N, C-alpha and C. Protein backbone atom coordinates (compact mmCIF):
# COMPACT_ATOMS: atom_id res chain seq x y z
N MET A 1 0.91 -1.05 -0.29
CA MET A 1 0.23 0.34 0.17
C MET A 1 1.19 1.23 0.29
N GLY A 2 0.39 2.06 -0.66
CA GLY A 2 1.67 3.31 -1.36
C GLY A 2 1.10 4.38 0.34
N LYS A 3 1.73 5.29 0.00
CA LYS A 3 1.54 6.07 0.83
C LYS A 3 0.76 7.58 0.88
N ASN A 4 -0.29 8.12 1.79
CA ASN A 4 -1.25 9.01 1.69
C ASN A 4 -0.33 9.93 1.29
N ARG A 5 -0.89 10.40 -0.12
CA ARG A 5 -0.10 11.86 -0.09
C ARG A 5 -1.00 12.89 -0.52
N SER A 6 -1.26 13.80 0.29
CA SER A 6 -2.03 14.99 0.35
C SER A 6 -1.98 15.94 -1.00
N ASN A 7 -3.29 16.04 -0.85
CA ASN A 7 -3.55 17.42 -2.43
C ASN A 7 -2.86 19.19 -1.18
N ARG A 8 -3.02 18.90 -0.04
CA ARG A 8 -3.00 20.32 0.19
C ARG A 8 -1.45 20.13 0.33
N ARG A 9 -1.86 22.46 -0.29
CA ARG A 9 -0.69 22.71 -0.97
C ARG A 9 -0.16 23.62 0.40
N HIS A 10 1.02 23.59 0.78
CA HIS A 10 2.56 24.45 1.08
C HIS A 10 1.94 25.66 1.84
N SER A 11 1.84 26.64 2.72
CA SER A 11 1.63 27.64 3.31
C SER A 11 3.31 28.08 3.23
N LEU A 12 4.05 29.26 2.40
CA LEU A 12 4.96 29.62 2.80
C LEU A 12 5.16 30.94 3.82
N GLY A 13 6.11 30.25 4.78
CA GLY A 13 5.84 31.16 6.36
C GLY A 13 6.89 32.51 5.60
N PRO A 14 7.31 33.06 6.56
CA PRO A 14 7.54 34.91 6.02
C PRO A 14 9.06 34.40 5.94
N HIS A 15 9.71 33.52 6.39
CA HIS A 15 11.32 33.75 6.14
C HIS A 15 11.89 33.11 4.94
N GLU A 16 10.36 32.21 4.66
CA GLU A 16 10.04 31.11 2.80
C GLU A 16 10.09 32.29 2.11
N GLN A 17 9.03 33.51 2.55
CA GLN A 17 8.95 34.47 1.52
C GLN A 17 9.95 35.46 1.02
N MET A 18 10.80 35.77 2.64
CA MET A 18 11.93 36.86 2.06
C MET A 18 12.77 36.16 1.57
N ALA A 19 13.18 35.04 1.72
CA ALA A 19 13.53 34.18 0.54
C ALA A 19 14.04 34.17 -0.69
N TYR A 20 12.39 34.04 -1.24
CA TYR A 20 11.81 34.40 -2.46
C TYR A 20 11.99 36.39 -2.96
N MET A 21 11.67 36.82 -1.75
CA MET A 21 11.54 38.51 -2.46
C MET A 21 13.75 38.67 -2.25
N ARG A 22 14.31 38.06 -1.78
CA ARG A 22 15.52 38.40 -1.96
C ARG A 22 15.80 37.82 -3.27
N LEU A 23 15.52 36.71 -3.50
CA LEU A 23 15.91 36.66 -4.76
C LEU A 23 15.51 36.89 -6.26
N VAL A 24 14.34 37.28 -6.09
CA VAL A 24 13.56 38.18 -7.44
C VAL A 24 13.31 39.56 -6.74
N CYS A 25 13.05 40.19 -5.74
CA CYS A 25 13.31 41.74 -5.19
C CYS A 25 14.68 42.39 -4.88
N ARG A 26 15.56 42.57 -5.45
CA ARG A 26 16.33 42.18 -4.70
C ARG A 26 17.35 43.47 -4.16
N HIS A 27 16.48 44.60 -4.64
CA HIS A 27 16.23 45.95 -4.07
C HIS A 27 15.14 46.42 -2.83
N PHE A 28 14.96 45.14 -2.83
CA PHE A 28 14.13 45.38 -1.47
C PHE A 28 14.64 45.19 0.24
N HIS A 29 14.26 45.51 0.73
CA HIS A 29 14.83 45.52 2.22
C HIS A 29 14.38 44.86 2.83
N CYS A 30 14.19 43.31 3.33
CA CYS A 30 12.61 42.73 4.16
C CYS A 30 13.96 41.97 5.35
N GLN A 31 12.66 41.78 6.27
CA GLN A 31 12.66 41.49 7.81
C GLN A 31 11.63 40.98 8.33
N VAL A 32 11.91 39.92 9.21
CA VAL A 32 10.84 39.52 9.83
C VAL A 32 11.33 39.18 11.59
N ARG A 33 10.17 40.31 11.41
CA ARG A 33 9.87 40.18 13.54
C ARG A 33 8.34 40.20 13.64
N HIS A 34 8.51 38.60 14.46
CA HIS A 34 7.56 38.77 15.74
C HIS A 34 6.32 37.85 14.47
N GLY A 35 7.03 37.48 13.47
CA GLY A 35 6.38 36.57 12.81
C GLY A 35 5.77 37.09 11.70
N VAL A 36 6.16 38.79 11.27
CA VAL A 36 5.04 39.51 10.27
C VAL A 36 6.89 39.63 9.38
N LEU A 37 6.97 39.18 7.97
CA LEU A 37 7.44 39.79 7.41
C LEU A 37 7.20 41.59 6.86
N THR A 38 8.06 41.72 6.86
CA THR A 38 8.11 43.63 6.13
C THR A 38 9.12 43.60 5.41
N CYS A 39 8.69 43.68 3.93
CA CYS A 39 9.94 44.42 2.91
C CYS A 39 9.52 45.47 2.35
N ARG A 40 10.69 46.83 2.21
CA ARG A 40 10.25 47.86 1.96
C ARG A 40 10.90 47.66 0.29
N GLY A 41 10.85 48.77 -0.54
CA GLY A 41 11.22 49.14 -1.22
C GLY A 41 11.00 50.05 -2.47
N ASN A 42 11.54 50.52 -3.76
CA ASN A 42 11.41 51.33 -4.24
C ASN A 42 10.81 51.03 -5.75
N VAL A 43 9.84 50.92 -6.48
CA VAL A 43 9.16 50.52 -7.87
C VAL A 43 9.22 51.54 -9.02
N LYS A 44 8.81 50.77 -9.97
CA LYS A 44 8.31 51.82 -11.07
C LYS A 44 7.50 51.24 -12.10
N PRO A 45 6.59 51.10 -12.29
CA PRO A 45 5.71 50.17 -13.36
C PRO A 45 6.24 50.66 -14.59
N VAL A 46 6.75 51.89 -15.31
CA VAL A 46 7.73 51.44 -16.42
C VAL A 46 8.57 52.32 -16.24
N ASP A 47 9.77 52.67 -17.67
CA ASP A 47 10.61 53.50 -16.83
C ASP A 47 10.76 54.66 -17.23
N VAL A 48 9.57 55.56 -17.69
CA VAL A 48 8.57 56.75 -17.72
C VAL A 48 8.28 57.22 -16.72
N SER A 49 7.90 56.35 -15.37
CA SER A 49 7.22 56.68 -14.43
C SER A 49 7.73 57.14 -13.39
N ASN A 50 7.49 57.49 -12.39
CA ASN A 50 7.71 58.24 -10.94
C ASN A 50 8.24 56.56 -10.48
N ASP A 51 8.90 56.80 -9.72
CA ASP A 51 9.50 55.83 -8.40
C ASP A 51 8.48 56.30 -6.94
N TYR A 52 8.26 54.87 -7.10
CA TYR A 52 7.18 55.23 -5.96
C TYR A 52 7.86 54.25 -4.31
N ALA A 53 8.19 54.67 -3.12
CA ALA A 53 8.14 53.82 -1.77
C ALA A 53 7.07 52.55 -1.94
N VAL A 54 7.55 51.65 -1.54
CA VAL A 54 6.31 50.63 -0.88
C VAL A 54 6.81 50.00 0.09
N ARG A 55 5.56 49.45 0.90
CA ARG A 55 5.76 48.71 1.81
C ARG A 55 4.56 47.37 1.80
N ILE A 56 5.38 45.86 2.38
CA ILE A 56 4.98 44.78 2.19
C ILE A 56 4.57 44.32 3.37
N GLU A 57 3.69 43.91 4.15
CA GLU A 57 3.31 43.17 5.10
C GLU A 57 2.63 41.82 5.07
N TYR A 58 3.33 40.74 5.72
CA TYR A 58 2.08 39.45 5.68
C TYR A 58 2.77 38.73 6.66
N ARG A 59 1.61 37.87 7.39
CA ARG A 59 1.49 37.17 8.27
C ARG A 59 1.06 35.82 7.48
N VAL A 60 1.61 35.25 7.89
CA VAL A 60 0.81 33.20 7.15
C VAL A 60 -0.43 33.60 8.02
N GLY A 61 -1.72 33.40 7.08
CA GLY A 61 -2.67 33.70 7.45
C GLY A 61 -3.71 34.62 7.46
N SER A 62 -2.61 35.33 6.73
CA SER A 62 -3.64 36.64 6.14
C SER A 62 -2.92 36.84 5.36
N ARG A 63 -4.15 38.05 4.79
CA ARG A 63 -3.39 38.78 2.90
C ARG A 63 -2.14 39.37 3.21
N PRO A 64 -1.79 39.42 2.30
CA PRO A 64 -0.16 39.81 2.25
C PRO A 64 -1.00 41.70 1.99
N LYS A 65 -0.59 42.76 2.99
CA LYS A 65 -1.05 44.36 2.42
C LYS A 65 0.10 45.15 2.05
N VAL A 66 -0.41 45.85 1.39
CA VAL A 66 0.52 46.41 0.68
C VAL A 66 0.61 48.29 0.67
N TRP A 67 1.37 48.65 1.36
CA TRP A 67 0.91 50.46 0.77
C TRP A 67 2.07 50.83 -0.06
N VAL A 68 1.66 52.18 -0.88
CA VAL A 68 2.13 53.17 -1.61
C VAL A 68 2.08 54.38 -0.63
N GLU A 69 3.40 54.57 -0.21
CA GLU A 69 4.31 55.25 0.90
C GLU A 69 3.47 57.21 0.16
N GLY A 70 3.48 57.92 0.49
CA GLY A 70 3.34 59.25 0.03
C GLY A 70 1.82 59.06 -0.83
N LEU A 71 0.77 58.75 -0.69
CA LEU A 71 -0.52 58.37 -1.23
C LEU A 71 -1.71 59.09 -0.11
N PRO A 72 -1.98 59.89 -0.03
CA PRO A 72 -3.56 60.17 0.99
C PRO A 72 -3.85 59.38 1.26
N ALA A 73 -4.32 59.80 3.21
CA ALA A 73 -5.10 58.73 3.45
C ALA A 73 -5.97 58.94 3.24
N ARG A 74 -6.92 57.87 3.17
CA ARG A 74 -7.93 57.61 2.66
C ARG A 74 -8.96 58.91 2.90
N GLU A 75 -9.09 59.40 4.17
CA GLU A 75 -9.94 60.77 5.33
C GLU A 75 -9.60 61.52 4.42
N GLU A 76 -8.42 61.69 4.06
CA GLU A 76 -8.11 63.08 3.53
C GLU A 76 -8.22 63.22 1.91
N GLU A 77 -8.31 62.22 1.56
CA GLU A 77 -8.52 62.03 -0.36
C GLU A 77 -10.76 62.99 -0.52
N PRO A 78 -9.79 63.70 -1.70
CA PRO A 78 -11.40 64.93 -1.74
C PRO A 78 -12.74 63.49 -2.55
N THR A 79 -14.14 63.98 -1.60
CA THR A 79 -14.89 62.49 -1.96
C THR A 79 -15.42 62.33 -3.21
N GLY A 80 -14.68 63.24 -3.96
CA GLY A 80 -15.20 62.54 -5.45
C GLY A 80 -14.03 62.32 -5.84
N ARG A 81 -12.90 62.58 -5.23
CA ARG A 81 -11.85 61.76 -6.08
C ARG A 81 -10.88 60.80 -5.24
N ARG A 82 -11.28 60.10 -4.89
CA ARG A 82 -10.87 59.17 -4.21
C ARG A 82 -10.31 57.86 -5.43
N ILE A 83 -9.26 57.38 -4.71
CA ILE A 83 -8.29 56.78 -5.32
C ILE A 83 -8.65 55.47 -5.38
N PRO A 84 -9.01 55.28 -6.66
CA PRO A 84 -9.91 53.84 -6.62
C PRO A 84 -8.68 52.41 -6.17
N HIS A 85 -9.33 51.51 -5.88
CA HIS A 85 -9.09 49.92 -5.38
C HIS A 85 -8.10 50.20 -4.52
N ARG A 86 -8.45 50.60 -3.38
CA ARG A 86 -7.87 51.19 -1.90
C ARG A 86 -9.00 51.15 -0.95
N PHE A 87 -8.43 50.08 0.16
CA PHE A 87 -9.24 50.11 1.37
C PHE A 87 -9.28 50.80 2.06
N ALA A 88 -10.22 50.92 3.57
CA ALA A 88 -9.77 52.25 3.83
C ALA A 88 -8.72 52.61 4.90
N ASP A 89 -7.59 51.39 5.23
CA ASP A 89 -6.81 51.29 5.86
C ASP A 89 -5.30 51.35 5.12
N GLY A 90 -5.47 52.05 3.62
CA GLY A 90 -4.49 52.54 2.65
C GLY A 90 -3.98 51.78 1.94
N THR A 91 -4.38 50.26 2.32
CA THR A 91 -3.65 49.32 1.40
C THR A 91 -4.45 49.61 0.36
N VAL A 92 -3.59 49.10 -0.79
CA VAL A 92 -3.77 48.92 -2.27
C VAL A 92 -4.83 47.22 -2.43
N CYS A 93 -6.13 47.40 -3.18
CA CYS A 93 -6.38 46.13 -3.76
C CYS A 93 -5.75 46.06 -4.86
N LEU A 94 -5.47 44.27 -5.21
CA LEU A 94 -4.65 43.32 -5.91
C LEU A 94 -5.25 42.70 -6.78
N TYR A 95 -6.08 42.12 -6.19
CA TYR A 95 -6.38 40.80 -6.33
C TYR A 95 -7.99 40.13 -6.01
N TYR A 96 -8.24 39.10 -6.85
CA TYR A 96 -9.95 38.92 -6.03
C TYR A 96 -9.74 38.05 -4.69
N GLY A 97 -10.47 38.17 -3.96
CA GLY A 97 -10.29 37.93 -2.84
C GLY A 97 -9.19 35.73 -2.87
N ASN A 98 -9.71 35.54 -3.81
CA ASN A 98 -9.07 33.65 -3.50
C ASN A 98 -8.08 33.81 -4.94
N GLU A 99 -7.70 34.55 -5.17
CA GLU A 99 -6.25 34.80 -6.51
C GLU A 99 -5.07 34.18 -5.91
N TRP A 100 -5.22 34.79 -4.49
CA TRP A 100 -3.73 35.06 -4.19
C TRP A 100 -3.55 33.68 -2.12
N THR A 101 -3.10 32.80 -2.82
CA THR A 101 -3.06 32.11 -1.67
C THR A 101 -1.68 31.74 -1.14
N SER A 102 -1.45 30.98 0.13
CA SER A 102 0.02 31.91 0.68
C SER A 102 0.65 30.57 0.58
N ASP A 103 0.47 29.38 -0.31
CA ASP A 103 1.77 29.02 -1.19
C ASP A 103 2.38 29.29 -2.30
N LYS A 104 1.59 30.77 -2.76
CA LYS A 104 2.04 31.69 -3.81
C LYS A 104 3.36 32.49 -3.13
N SER A 105 4.53 32.57 -4.28
CA SER A 105 5.35 33.50 -3.65
C SER A 105 4.76 35.28 -3.94
N ILE A 106 5.27 36.60 -2.76
CA ILE A 106 4.95 37.58 -3.04
C ILE A 106 5.28 37.97 -3.89
N ALA A 107 6.73 37.73 -4.21
CA ALA A 107 7.64 38.90 -4.88
C ALA A 107 7.05 37.85 -6.13
N GLN A 108 6.53 36.76 -6.88
CA GLN A 108 6.52 36.59 -7.86
C GLN A 108 4.79 36.35 -8.45
N THR A 109 3.80 37.08 -7.25
CA THR A 109 2.93 37.59 -7.72
C THR A 109 2.10 39.11 -7.18
N ILE A 110 2.65 39.11 -6.36
CA ILE A 110 2.29 41.38 -4.94
C ILE A 110 2.91 41.76 -5.70
N VAL A 111 4.50 41.69 -6.16
CA VAL A 111 5.05 42.76 -6.77
C VAL A 111 4.59 42.78 -8.18
N PRO A 112 4.65 41.83 -8.74
CA PRO A 112 3.96 42.57 -10.32
C PRO A 112 2.61 42.75 -10.61
N TRP A 113 1.93 42.12 -9.20
CA TRP A 113 0.10 43.10 -9.54
C TRP A 113 0.43 44.44 -9.00
N LEU A 114 0.93 44.52 -7.82
CA LEU A 114 1.52 45.80 -7.45
C LEU A 114 1.97 46.86 -8.71
N LEU A 115 2.38 46.66 -10.03
CA LEU A 115 3.37 47.29 -10.21
C LEU A 115 2.11 47.66 -11.44
N GLU A 116 1.12 46.42 -11.73
CA GLU A 116 0.40 46.83 -12.88
C GLU A 116 -0.69 48.04 -12.05
N TRP A 117 -1.16 47.94 -10.89
CA TRP A 117 -1.46 48.91 -10.15
C TRP A 117 -1.31 50.39 -10.24
N LEU A 118 0.05 50.10 -9.88
CA LEU A 118 0.90 51.71 -10.19
C LEU A 118 0.76 52.15 -11.60
N PHE A 119 0.76 51.57 -12.80
CA PHE A 119 0.73 51.81 -14.12
C PHE A 119 -0.66 52.46 -14.21
N PHE A 120 -1.45 51.67 -13.92
CA PHE A 120 -3.20 52.45 -14.05
C PHE A 120 -3.50 53.26 -12.99
N TYR A 121 -2.45 53.41 -11.69
CA TYR A 121 -2.63 54.64 -10.91
C TYR A 121 -2.89 56.03 -11.84
N GLU A 122 -1.37 55.93 -12.21
CA GLU A 122 -0.93 56.54 -13.30
C GLU A 122 -1.69 57.28 -14.17
N GLY A 123 -2.02 56.38 -14.64
CA GLY A 123 -3.17 56.36 -16.16
C GLY A 123 -4.02 57.44 -15.54
N TRP A 124 -5.15 56.56 -14.57
CA TRP A 124 -5.67 57.71 -13.46
C TRP A 124 -5.76 59.20 -13.33
N LEU A 125 -4.54 59.22 -12.43
CA LEU A 125 -3.92 60.93 -12.28
C LEU A 125 -3.87 61.69 -13.52
N ALA A 126 -3.62 60.94 -14.21
CA ALA A 126 -3.76 61.66 -15.47
C ALA A 126 -4.87 61.91 -16.39
N THR A 127 -5.84 60.65 -16.29
CA THR A 127 -7.57 61.29 -17.00
C THR A 127 -8.45 60.90 -15.99
N GLY A 128 -8.44 60.72 -14.99
CA GLY A 128 -9.41 60.69 -14.11
C GLY A 128 -10.61 59.56 -14.62
N GLU A 129 -9.60 58.19 -14.82
CA GLU A 129 -10.71 57.14 -15.72
C GLU A 129 -9.56 55.86 -15.20
N TRP A 130 -9.92 54.86 -14.40
CA TRP A 130 -9.15 53.76 -14.08
C TRP A 130 -9.88 53.18 -15.03
N GLN A 131 -8.40 52.62 -15.98
CA GLN A 131 -8.83 51.77 -17.14
C GLN A 131 -8.45 49.75 -16.41
N GLY A 132 -7.48 49.90 -15.31
CA GLY A 132 -7.24 48.20 -15.09
C GLY A 132 -8.06 47.20 -15.08
N GLY A 133 -9.69 48.19 -15.04
CA GLY A 133 -11.04 47.06 -15.10
C GLY A 133 -11.07 46.21 -13.00
N GLY A 134 -11.65 45.58 -13.46
CA GLY A 134 -12.21 44.44 -11.97
C GLY A 134 -12.74 45.15 -11.02
N THR A 135 -13.08 44.61 -9.81
CA THR A 135 -14.52 44.50 -8.65
C THR A 135 -13.54 45.16 -7.72
N HIS A 136 -14.15 45.98 -6.49
CA HIS A 136 -13.37 46.39 -5.59
C HIS A 136 -14.63 46.05 -4.35
N PRO A 137 -14.05 45.21 -4.08
CA PRO A 137 -15.21 44.46 -2.77
C PRO A 137 -15.44 45.93 -1.53
N GLU A 138 -16.19 46.20 -0.76
CA GLU A 138 -16.37 46.66 0.29
C GLU A 138 -15.01 46.81 0.89
N SER A 139 -15.17 48.04 1.08
CA SER A 139 -13.50 48.70 1.91
C SER A 139 -13.62 47.93 3.46
N LEU A 140 -12.70 48.01 3.68
CA LEU A 140 -12.81 48.04 5.53
C LEU A 140 -13.34 48.60 6.45
N ALA A 141 -14.02 49.94 5.88
CA ALA A 141 -14.57 50.96 6.60
C ALA A 141 -16.38 51.04 6.32
N GLY A 142 -16.77 49.84 4.93
CA GLY A 142 -17.72 49.57 4.83
C GLY A 142 -18.32 50.48 3.96
N GLU A 143 -17.21 51.07 3.00
CA GLU A 143 -17.85 52.15 1.72
C GLU A 143 -18.22 50.80 0.77
N PRO A 144 -19.53 51.16 -0.12
CA PRO A 144 -19.78 50.53 -0.83
C PRO A 144 -18.58 49.86 -2.16
N SER A 145 -19.63 48.78 -2.62
CA SER A 145 -18.27 48.71 -4.25
C SER A 145 -18.22 49.17 -5.07
N VAL A 146 -17.17 49.30 -5.34
CA VAL A 146 -17.04 49.76 -6.64
C VAL A 146 -16.94 49.11 -8.20
N VAL A 147 -17.59 49.19 -8.83
CA VAL A 147 -17.23 48.21 -10.12
C VAL A 147 -16.77 49.03 -11.28
N GLU A 148 -15.53 48.69 -11.66
CA GLU A 148 -15.13 49.39 -13.06
C GLU A 148 -15.22 48.53 -14.49
N SER A 149 -15.08 49.36 -15.20
CA SER A 149 -14.94 48.76 -16.58
C SER A 149 -13.73 47.81 -16.57
N SER A 150 -14.21 46.23 -17.27
CA SER A 150 -13.07 45.77 -17.34
C SER A 150 -12.19 45.77 -18.29
N SER A 151 -11.03 45.11 -18.39
CA SER A 151 -9.61 45.02 -18.99
C SER A 151 -9.33 43.56 -19.65
N LYS A 152 -9.51 43.76 -20.71
CA LYS A 152 -9.22 41.74 -21.09
C LYS A 152 -7.74 41.57 -20.65
N ASP A 153 -7.05 42.03 -20.63
CA ASP A 153 -5.44 40.98 -19.83
C ASP A 153 -5.53 41.65 -19.28
N THR A 154 -6.34 42.04 -17.56
CA THR A 154 -5.94 42.43 -16.32
C THR A 154 -5.32 41.09 -15.36
N ILE A 155 -4.85 41.03 -15.21
CA ILE A 155 -3.80 40.26 -14.09
C ILE A 155 -4.56 39.51 -12.96
N GLY A 156 -4.96 41.13 -11.76
CA GLY A 156 -5.88 40.35 -11.15
C GLY A 156 -7.05 41.44 -10.64
N ASP A 157 -7.22 41.79 -9.39
CA ASP A 157 -8.42 42.37 -9.28
C ASP A 157 -7.98 43.69 -9.10
N PHE A 158 -8.07 45.19 -9.47
CA PHE A 158 -7.02 46.71 -9.32
C PHE A 158 -8.65 47.24 -8.47
């Protein structure tokens, strides 16, 4: 009789995620304290874009949280000009709830999705229209859902 092999996926812990970040995103500074991975770095969605300081935090059992430093706090945004696809705590919404799982590398999923979010953010700043598509779930403050026009080649939910 063969061994019973589980189809269960292996969650990547903070130290494993940090190892992937060091391999893929070498310019990020990462550390693990009290079971929380915190990575900080600067990114540009495309060569002609602005440089953005970002922070990613991850604890096993929670979704990775991503902040773009320098964006106004949610409560400081003008009511008619709220940055699309952000939660009330200022983190950015990068994917549908089930698209990211703890067996996936943050460096190979969250970081590319963040670059795409920043690309569409810059377009939104210029035109006032979010071209990234997707839907945004109710925010942490209970704001109503925002449904944007969909884009055919969108990686995640922005």
